[in-house]
Protein backbone atom coordinates (compact mmCIF):
# COMPACT_ATOMS: atom_id res chain seq x y z
CA MET A 1 98.12 122.52 72.78
CA SER A 2 101.18 124.49 73.84
CA LEU A 3 103.50 122.53 76.07
CA SER A 4 105.03 124.01 79.18
CA VAL A 5 107.81 122.16 80.93
CA HIS A 6 106.71 119.44 83.32
CA ARG A 7 108.68 117.04 85.47
CA LEU A 8 107.98 114.21 87.87
CA ARG A 9 108.56 114.83 91.57
CA CYS A 10 108.89 112.00 94.07
CA THR A 11 106.25 112.33 96.77
CA GLY A 12 108.64 110.75 99.26
CA CYS A 13 112.12 112.20 98.96
CA GLY A 14 111.32 115.06 96.59
CA VAL A 15 113.78 114.11 93.85
CA ARG A 16 112.80 115.45 90.42
CA ILE A 17 113.25 113.70 87.06
CA ASP A 18 112.14 114.18 83.48
CA GLY A 19 109.03 112.19 82.61
CA ALA A 20 110.84 109.92 80.14
CA GLN A 21 113.37 108.98 82.83
CA ALA A 22 110.82 107.17 85.01
CA GLN A 23 111.36 103.46 85.51
CA SER A 24 108.83 100.99 84.16
CA ASN A 25 107.11 100.71 87.57
CA PHE A 26 107.08 104.50 88.17
CA ARG A 27 108.86 104.09 91.50
CA CYS A 28 111.59 106.41 92.70
CA VAL A 29 115.03 104.76 92.55
CA GLU A 30 116.08 106.72 95.64
CA CYS A 31 113.28 105.85 98.07
CA GLY A 32 110.73 103.67 96.24
CA ASP A 33 107.83 106.10 96.57
CA LEU A 34 105.54 107.27 93.77
CA PHE A 35 105.83 110.36 91.60
CA GLU A 36 103.46 113.20 90.81
CA VAL A 37 103.49 115.56 87.84
CA GLU A 38 104.88 119.02 88.58
CA TYR A 39 104.63 122.13 86.41
CA ALA A 40 106.50 125.42 86.49
CA TRP A 41 103.49 126.99 88.22
CA SER A 42 103.01 124.17 90.78
CA ALA A 43 103.33 124.99 94.47
CA GLY A 44 106.94 124.55 95.59
CA ALA A 45 108.21 123.87 92.07
CA GLU A 46 111.96 124.11 91.54
CA TRP A 47 113.44 124.48 88.07
CA PRO A 48 117.05 124.46 86.90
CA ASP A 49 118.42 127.38 84.87
CA GLY A 50 117.23 127.34 81.28
CA LEU A 51 113.89 125.64 81.94
CA ALA A 52 112.08 128.51 83.57
CA GLU A 53 113.28 132.06 84.04
CA ARG A 54 113.54 132.97 87.68
CA GLY A 55 110.68 135.14 88.83
CA THR A 56 108.85 135.02 85.50
CA VAL A 57 107.16 131.62 85.67
CA TYR A 58 103.81 131.71 83.86
CA ARG A 59 100.81 131.40 86.17
CA PRO A 60 97.47 130.53 84.58
CA ASN A 61 94.90 133.34 84.76
CA PRO A 62 91.75 132.08 86.57
CA ILE A 63 89.31 134.59 85.06
CA ALA A 64 90.51 134.03 81.51
CA LEU A 65 90.55 130.26 81.86
CA LYS A 66 87.05 130.07 83.32
CA HIS A 67 85.70 131.82 80.24
CA LEU A 68 87.85 129.75 77.85
CA TRP A 69 86.78 126.44 79.38
CA GLN A 70 83.11 127.41 79.09
CA GLU A 71 83.54 128.52 75.47
CA ARG A 72 85.03 125.14 74.57
CA ARG A 73 81.76 123.46 75.50
CA THR A 74 80.28 124.68 72.21
CA SER A 75 83.31 123.69 70.13
CA SER A 76 83.07 120.90 67.55
CA GLN A 77 86.69 119.83 68.18
CA MET A 78 86.96 116.47 69.96
CA VAL A 79 89.75 117.72 72.20
CA ASP A 80 87.41 120.50 73.39
CA GLN A 81 84.49 118.11 73.86
CA SER A 82 86.56 116.08 76.31
CA GLY A 83 85.96 116.97 79.94
CA VAL A 84 89.63 116.27 80.54
CA TRP A 85 91.35 118.05 77.66
CA ARG A 86 88.96 120.98 77.88
CA PHE A 87 91.13 121.89 80.89
CA ARG A 88 94.40 121.22 79.05
CA GLU A 89 96.12 124.39 80.29
CA LEU A 90 96.37 122.65 83.67
CA LEU A 91 97.68 119.34 82.31
CA PRO A 92 100.07 120.22 79.48
CA ILE A 93 101.65 116.78 79.19
CA VAL A 94 101.27 115.94 75.47
CA ARG A 95 100.80 117.81 72.22
CA GLU A 96 97.24 118.19 71.03
CA GLU A 97 97.73 115.96 67.99
CA ARG A 98 98.75 113.08 70.30
CA VAL A 99 95.62 113.19 72.44
CA VAL A 100 93.54 109.99 72.47
CA THR A 101 90.00 110.81 73.54
CA LEU A 102 86.56 109.20 73.60
CA ARG A 103 84.93 112.43 74.80
CA GLU A 104 85.30 111.45 78.43
CA GLY A 105 84.42 113.65 81.38
CA ASP A 106 81.80 116.39 81.59
CA THR A 107 79.79 113.99 83.76
CA PRO A 108 76.61 115.06 85.57
CA LEU A 109 76.37 116.37 89.11
CA TYR A 110 73.05 115.07 90.42
CA GLU A 111 71.03 116.28 93.37
CA MET A 112 69.95 113.52 95.77
CA PRO A 113 66.88 114.92 97.58
CA ARG A 114 65.63 111.64 99.07
CA ALA A 115 68.97 110.67 100.59
CA ALA A 116 69.47 114.24 101.81
CA ALA A 117 66.08 114.27 103.54
CA SER A 118 66.77 110.90 105.14
CA LEU A 119 70.07 112.18 106.54
CA GLY A 120 68.73 115.58 107.57
CA LEU A 121 70.97 117.41 105.11
CA ASN A 122 69.97 120.52 103.21
CA TRP A 123 71.83 119.57 100.05
CA LEU A 124 73.47 116.36 98.89
CA LEU A 125 75.02 115.85 95.47
CA ALA A 126 76.52 112.95 93.51
CA LYS A 127 79.20 113.38 90.85
CA HIS A 128 78.51 110.42 88.57
CA GLN A 129 81.75 109.31 86.94
CA GLY A 130 79.95 106.17 85.80
CA MET A 131 78.63 108.29 82.93
CA ASN A 132 82.01 108.13 81.18
CA PRO A 133 82.41 106.25 77.85
CA THR A 134 83.35 102.88 79.41
CA GLY A 135 81.20 103.42 82.49
CA SER A 136 83.73 104.44 85.15
CA PHE A 137 85.99 107.22 86.39
CA LYS A 138 89.01 105.39 84.98
CA ASP A 139 88.43 106.97 81.56
CA THR A 140 89.53 110.39 82.75
CA GLY A 141 92.91 109.07 83.82
CA MET A 142 93.29 106.69 80.91
CA THR A 143 92.95 109.36 78.24
CA ALA A 144 95.86 111.23 79.83
CA ALA A 145 98.23 108.33 80.49
CA LEU A 146 97.56 106.51 77.24
CA SER A 147 98.12 109.72 75.29
CA VAL A 148 101.56 109.88 76.92
CA ALA A 149 102.19 106.26 75.88
CA VAL A 150 101.35 107.18 72.28
CA SER A 151 103.58 110.26 72.37
CA ARG A 152 106.50 108.11 73.58
CA GLY A 153 106.12 105.52 70.85
CA PHE A 154 104.86 102.52 72.79
CA THR A 155 102.89 99.90 70.89
CA TRP A 156 101.83 97.84 73.93
CA VAL A 157 100.17 98.97 77.16
CA ALA A 158 99.19 96.90 80.19
CA CYS A 159 97.40 96.96 83.52
CA ALA A 160 96.39 94.76 86.42
CA SER A 161 92.74 95.31 87.20
CA THR A 162 89.66 94.52 89.23
CA GLY A 163 87.67 95.43 86.11
CA ASN A 164 87.21 99.13 85.47
CA THR A 165 90.85 99.91 84.66
CA SER A 166 91.01 97.04 82.16
CA ALA A 167 87.85 98.24 80.40
CA ALA A 168 89.12 101.79 80.12
CA MET A 169 92.63 100.84 79.03
CA ALA A 170 91.41 98.39 76.40
CA ALA A 171 89.01 100.94 74.93
CA TYR A 172 91.55 103.73 74.69
CA ALA A 173 94.23 101.38 73.38
CA ALA A 174 91.84 100.21 70.66
CA ARG A 175 91.06 103.81 69.80
CA ALA A 176 94.78 104.59 69.48
CA GLY A 177 95.62 101.40 67.56
CA LEU A 178 97.77 99.99 70.38
CA ARG A 179 97.86 96.42 71.73
CA SER A 180 96.84 95.91 75.34
CA LEU A 181 97.49 93.30 78.03
CA VAL A 182 95.09 92.87 80.95
CA LEU A 183 95.88 90.81 84.06
CA ILE A 184 92.87 90.12 86.26
CA PRO A 185 92.24 87.87 89.28
CA GLU A 186 90.39 84.72 88.25
CA GLY A 187 86.79 84.59 89.42
CA LYS A 188 87.02 87.93 91.24
CA ILE A 189 85.78 90.35 88.60
CA ALA A 190 82.29 91.29 87.50
CA TRP A 191 81.51 89.78 84.10
CA GLY A 192 80.18 93.09 82.81
CA LYS A 193 83.66 94.56 83.21
CA LEU A 194 85.51 91.53 81.87
CA SER A 195 83.35 91.52 78.76
CA GLN A 196 84.42 95.09 77.99
CA SER A 197 88.15 94.37 77.82
CA MET A 198 87.42 91.35 75.64
CA ASP A 199 85.20 93.37 73.32
CA TYR A 200 87.84 96.07 72.92
CA GLY A 201 90.41 93.50 71.82
CA ALA A 202 92.67 93.25 74.84
CA THR A 203 94.79 90.18 75.51
CA THR A 204 92.98 89.25 78.71
CA VAL A 205 94.71 86.91 81.17
CA GLN A 206 93.05 85.58 84.32
CA LEU A 207 95.65 84.74 86.96
CA LYS A 208 95.00 82.38 89.85
CA THR A 209 95.64 85.07 92.46
CA ASP A 210 94.11 88.28 93.78
CA PHE A 211 94.54 91.82 92.47
CA ASP A 212 97.71 92.40 94.45
CA GLY A 213 99.16 89.20 93.00
CA CYS A 214 98.35 90.46 89.50
CA VAL A 215 100.20 93.68 90.28
CA LYS A 216 103.33 91.76 91.29
CA VAL A 217 103.33 89.71 88.09
CA LEU A 218 102.75 92.76 85.92
CA ALA A 219 105.61 94.67 87.57
CA GLU A 220 107.99 91.97 86.31
CA VAL A 221 106.39 91.83 82.86
CA VAL A 222 106.92 95.54 82.18
CA LYS A 223 110.53 95.26 83.35
CA ARG A 224 111.27 92.60 80.76
CA ALA A 225 109.23 93.85 77.81
CA PRO A 226 108.68 97.27 76.16
CA ILE A 227 105.19 97.64 77.60
CA TYR A 228 103.86 100.87 79.12
CA LEU A 229 102.28 100.42 82.56
CA LEU A 230 98.87 102.06 82.93
CA ASN A 231 97.96 101.27 86.53
CA SER A 232 97.36 104.19 88.88
CA VAL A 233 101.02 104.26 89.94
CA ASN A 234 101.46 106.03 86.60
CA PRO A 235 101.39 109.73 87.59
CA TYR A 236 99.83 110.80 84.29
CA ARG A 237 96.71 108.82 85.20
CA LEU A 238 96.20 111.16 88.13
CA GLU A 239 96.50 114.22 85.91
CA GLY A 240 93.38 113.14 84.06
CA GLN A 241 91.63 112.00 87.23
CA LYS A 242 92.07 115.40 88.87
CA THR A 243 89.76 117.08 86.32
CA PRO A 244 86.44 116.07 87.97
CA ALA A 245 87.49 118.48 90.73
CA PHE A 246 87.45 121.27 88.13
CA GLU A 247 84.08 120.09 86.81
CA ILE A 248 82.51 120.03 90.27
CA LEU A 249 83.60 123.62 90.87
CA GLU A 250 82.26 124.71 87.48
CA GLN A 251 78.95 122.95 88.09
CA LEU A 252 78.62 124.70 91.46
CA ASP A 253 79.45 128.12 89.95
CA TRP A 254 82.85 127.95 91.66
CA ARG A 255 81.39 127.50 95.13
CA VAL A 256 83.42 124.94 97.05
CA PRO A 257 81.50 122.05 98.66
CA HIS A 258 82.31 121.31 102.28
CA HIS A 259 82.86 117.58 101.80
CA LEU A 260 83.87 115.20 99.02
CA ILE A 261 83.32 111.52 99.83
CA VAL A 262 85.38 109.06 97.76
CA PRO A 263 85.50 105.23 97.63
CA GLY A 264 88.81 103.77 98.78
CA GLY A 265 90.39 101.04 96.63
CA ASN A 266 93.89 101.63 95.30
CA LEU A 267 93.49 105.18 96.69
CA ALA A 268 94.71 107.04 93.60
CA ASN A 269 91.36 108.75 92.99
CA SER A 270 91.33 110.60 96.29
CA SER A 271 94.95 111.59 95.62
CA ALA A 272 94.11 112.91 92.15
CA LEU A 273 91.08 114.89 93.29
CA GLY A 274 93.07 116.31 96.17
CA LYS A 275 95.71 117.46 93.70
CA GLY A 276 93.05 119.05 91.52
CA PHE A 277 91.47 121.06 94.33
CA SER A 278 94.89 122.01 95.72
CA GLU A 279 95.97 123.36 92.34
CA MET A 280 92.75 125.37 92.06
CA LYS A 281 93.46 126.98 95.43
CA HIS A 282 97.15 127.59 94.68
CA LEU A 283 96.31 129.31 91.38
CA GLY A 284 93.62 131.51 92.91
CA PHE A 285 90.47 129.90 91.47
CA ILE A 286 89.14 129.16 94.97
CA LYS A 287 90.02 130.17 98.53
CA ARG A 288 89.59 126.82 100.26
CA VAL A 289 89.37 123.14 99.46
CA PRO A 290 86.72 120.60 100.52
CA LYS A 291 87.37 118.00 103.19
CA ILE A 292 88.13 114.77 101.33
CA SER A 293 87.09 111.58 103.11
CA VAL A 294 87.77 108.03 102.00
CA ILE A 295 85.38 105.13 102.64
CA GLN A 296 86.51 101.50 102.48
CA ALA A 297 84.67 98.20 102.66
CA GLU A 298 85.21 96.31 105.92
CA GLY A 299 86.67 93.40 103.98
CA ALA A 300 89.20 95.59 102.17
CA ASN A 301 90.12 98.21 104.74
CA PRO A 302 93.93 98.50 105.11
CA LEU A 303 93.90 102.30 105.26
CA TYR A 304 91.12 102.35 107.87
CA ARG A 305 93.03 99.85 110.00
CA TRP A 306 96.22 101.87 109.67
CA MET A 307 94.45 105.05 110.78
CA GLN A 308 92.79 103.27 113.69
CA GLY A 309 96.22 101.98 114.73
CA GLY A 310 97.53 105.50 115.09
CA GLY A 311 98.70 106.13 111.56
CA VAL A 312 102.34 105.21 112.15
CA GLY A 313 104.74 102.96 110.26
CA GLN A 314 103.96 101.12 107.07
CA LEU A 315 100.50 100.12 105.91
CA GLU A 316 99.78 96.47 106.65
CA PRO A 317 98.17 94.76 103.64
CA VAL A 318 95.00 92.71 104.12
CA LYS A 319 93.50 89.84 102.16
CA ALA A 320 90.70 91.74 100.49
CA ASP A 321 87.21 90.25 100.51
CA THR A 322 84.18 92.31 99.49
CA ARG A 323 81.43 92.09 96.88
CA ALA A 324 82.31 95.66 95.91
CA SER A 325 84.84 94.27 93.44
CA ALA A 326 86.16 97.63 92.23
CA ILE A 327 87.67 98.30 95.67
CA ARG A 328 88.65 94.70 96.48
CA ILE A 329 92.28 95.75 97.01
CA GLY A 330 94.30 94.81 100.07
CA ASN A 331 97.56 96.60 99.36
CA PRO A 332 96.78 100.02 97.85
CA ALA A 333 99.69 101.57 95.97
CA SER A 334 98.73 105.20 96.52
CA TRP A 335 98.07 105.06 100.26
CA LYS A 336 100.72 107.63 101.20
CA LYS A 337 99.34 110.12 98.69
CA ALA A 338 95.83 109.55 100.04
CA VAL A 339 96.93 110.02 103.65
CA LYS A 340 98.53 113.34 102.70
CA VAL A 341 95.33 114.57 101.01
CA ILE A 342 93.10 113.46 103.89
CA ALA A 343 95.37 115.19 106.42
CA GLU A 344 95.73 118.40 104.42
CA THR A 345 91.99 118.75 103.80
CA GLY A 346 90.81 117.64 107.26
CA GLY A 347 88.89 114.60 106.01
CA TRP A 348 88.41 111.16 107.52
CA VAL A 349 88.64 107.45 106.73
CA GLU A 350 85.66 105.19 107.47
CA GLN A 351 84.70 101.59 106.81
CA VAL A 352 81.29 100.14 105.96
CA SER A 353 79.86 96.62 106.01
CA GLU A 354 78.48 94.59 103.12
CA ARG A 355 74.98 95.18 104.48
CA GLU A 356 75.53 98.93 104.63
CA ILE A 357 76.90 98.96 101.07
CA ALA A 358 73.93 97.00 99.71
CA LEU A 359 71.38 99.27 101.37
CA ALA A 360 73.16 102.44 100.23
CA LYS A 361 73.35 101.17 96.65
CA ALA A 362 69.60 100.55 96.63
CA GLU A 363 68.97 104.02 98.07
CA ILE A 364 71.08 105.60 95.32
CA GLY A 365 69.12 103.56 92.79
CA ALA A 366 65.89 104.89 94.28
CA GLU A 367 67.06 108.37 93.25
CA GLY A 368 66.95 107.15 89.64
CA ILE A 369 70.70 107.31 89.02
CA GLY A 370 72.21 103.98 90.10
CA CYS A 371 75.84 102.98 90.56
CA GLU A 372 78.10 99.98 90.97
CA PRO A 373 78.54 98.56 94.52
CA ALA A 374 81.91 100.22 95.17
CA SER A 375 80.39 103.66 94.55
CA ALA A 376 77.75 103.06 97.22
CA VAL A 377 80.32 103.03 100.02
CA THR A 378 80.22 106.83 99.76
CA LEU A 379 76.61 107.14 100.90
CA ALA A 380 77.07 104.39 103.48
CA GLY A 381 80.09 106.20 104.88
CA LEU A 382 78.40 109.59 104.81
CA LYS A 383 75.68 108.19 107.07
CA LYS A 384 78.34 107.52 109.71
CA LEU A 385 79.93 110.95 109.29
CA VAL A 386 76.52 112.60 109.73
CA ALA A 387 75.56 110.40 112.68
CA ASP A 388 78.56 111.47 114.77
CA GLY A 389 78.47 115.11 113.76
CA ARG A 390 81.45 115.24 111.42
CA VAL A 391 79.14 116.42 108.63
CA GLY A 392 76.58 119.05 109.59
CA PRO A 393 73.10 119.62 108.12
CA GLU A 394 74.07 122.98 106.59
CA GLU A 395 77.16 121.58 104.88
CA THR A 396 77.21 120.53 101.23
CA SER A 397 78.53 117.06 100.49
CA VAL A 398 79.40 115.52 97.14
CA LEU A 399 79.49 111.75 96.73
CA LEU A 400 81.83 110.50 94.04
CA LEU A 401 80.10 107.66 92.19
CA THR A 402 82.88 105.87 90.36
CA GLY A 403 81.04 103.31 88.23
CA HIS A 404 77.80 102.71 86.32
CA THR A 405 75.14 100.40 87.75
CA LEU A 406 75.47 98.06 84.73
CA LYS A 407 79.08 97.31 85.65
CA ASP A 408 77.82 94.63 88.05
CA SER A 409 74.22 93.80 87.18
CA GLU A 410 74.44 90.42 88.93
CA TYR A 411 74.89 92.19 92.29
CA THR A 412 71.75 94.22 91.69
CA ILE A 413 69.73 91.19 90.61
CA GLN A 414 70.76 89.20 93.67
CA PHE A 415 69.86 92.12 95.93
CA HIS A 416 66.34 92.41 94.57
CA ARG A 417 65.84 88.65 94.76
CA ASN A 418 66.97 88.78 98.40
CA ASN A 419 69.84 86.40 97.64
CA LEU A 420 72.75 88.82 98.06
CA LEU A 421 73.55 88.86 101.76
CA THR A 422 74.05 85.91 104.07
CA ASP A 423 72.13 85.37 107.31
CA ALA A 424 75.28 86.30 109.21
CA GLU A 425 75.57 89.59 107.35
CA MET A 426 71.94 90.43 108.10
CA ALA A 427 72.14 89.31 111.73
CA GLY A 428 73.05 92.76 113.07
CA ALA A 429 70.44 94.65 111.06
CA SER A 430 68.00 96.79 113.03
CA ALA A 431 64.26 96.63 112.46
CA ALA A 432 64.49 99.93 110.56
CA GLU A 433 67.18 98.53 108.29
CA ARG A 434 65.21 95.38 107.57
CA ALA A 435 62.17 97.50 106.73
CA ALA A 436 64.30 99.63 104.41
CA PHE A 437 65.58 96.52 102.64
CA GLY A 438 62.04 95.25 102.18
CA LYS A 439 60.86 98.55 100.75
CA LEU A 440 63.78 98.82 98.33
CA GLN A 441 63.79 95.25 97.04
CA HIS A 442 61.78 94.84 93.85
CA GLU A 443 61.79 91.27 92.60
CA PRO A 444 60.17 90.84 89.16
CA LEU A 445 56.66 89.38 89.25
CA VAL A 446 55.84 86.32 87.13
CA LEU A 447 52.16 86.40 86.15
CA GLU A 448 49.75 84.90 83.69
CA ALA A 449 49.22 86.91 80.49
CA ASP A 450 45.85 88.17 81.71
CA VAL A 451 44.85 91.82 82.11
CA ASP A 452 42.82 91.19 85.28
CA VAL A 453 45.74 89.36 86.89
CA VAL A 454 48.05 92.26 86.08
CA LEU A 455 45.59 94.84 87.44
CA ARG A 456 45.11 92.90 90.68
CA ALA A 457 48.88 92.75 91.12
CA LEU A 458 49.08 96.48 90.48
CA GLU A 459 46.40 97.15 93.10
CA LYS A 460 48.33 95.06 95.59
CA GLU A 461 51.53 96.99 94.83
CA ALA A 462 49.72 100.33 95.18
CA GLY A 463 48.37 99.26 98.55
CA GLN A 464 51.84 98.32 99.78
CA LEU A 465 53.25 101.65 98.69
CA ALA A 466 50.43 103.75 100.12
């Protein structure tokens, strides 16, 4: 992989630094905002003499790269089989021999005909990032950022996590032969996710606090010890996480969808995807970008509240409380980046209830693809955008499903046993919603080991479904 010069640019004050100069918390010393990776060909890039010749900055060739990226699909090289590093011309951040990959990316783009018909849409799609090696979208960012950690000689990496980040970091650290430290909130993480970080050999610490409390502790840990921080404040994470934007365009034969609907937790994913689409437009691959909308759970909705309050001043953190554990974050680090992407693309921010999330998750499952609860906020939010006319029937929407359904199997089991939601949460449900719940809930039957008993039960089921 040939390296072009890259730097980090503060998204607040615009100051530029070399990547190795970033502080342990990846915050700008001038204004405290986060950085993003900038290349010589990036929009608005500024380069001192000697780093890029004025007027002769290399710009990637869209036609040539489209063909090259497709050719790599048949390559036997692991770096080419990665859906992140297959696009390495647009993220030249480490040398090829330093890449740590588990063949992440290249995830499916599914059609969702039942949900589309229910919403009156001609075409609805779901980009399933849960089909990554550790079962979530975090892998695409982790391969990039951890490869940087390897290239800079770190032997320890760390993250605070609600589950998916810890699983991804631990797996990639194990692959690279690094040690990893995971800080998670006690009792507020799905066991399926916790088991992953344990299995991959991470030093896993449960703190008696919430996710935001874990972030505060970790910020001090990385200041005092030579440990590389791999939370989403790390700008190299976003370089990997922008690549699903490239995949979506490829999978749609470079036709741009009208809408991309993204779950809102720490808000880095919407920022990364926005960067990916923006770079595609700047370099001439596409002529427009999709509207990117962010959906939050009502119990973890600081960005939605900020937008409803007029979108002025600082974001007010909330005490996050939602069963969608992957987005149970009350003080999102990347909120300013997300606001910028939403504004530039013309998207929106919505919130959805626990009841709406549960129903949407079951509806996605009925398509035969499944997802973790946090992913389902996308369909729940899209329903609201369609209902008030912000998404039209002729417009193509893509839901970003961030995690696999097995990430939180307990949630799914409780839903089908009708033990998930409280009476208070169901109190506002309409008759149509209650009917939908009943149709989608499938509790296992316990029967005698008798063929006639099984056949009678089957006849009963067939009658109910007729």
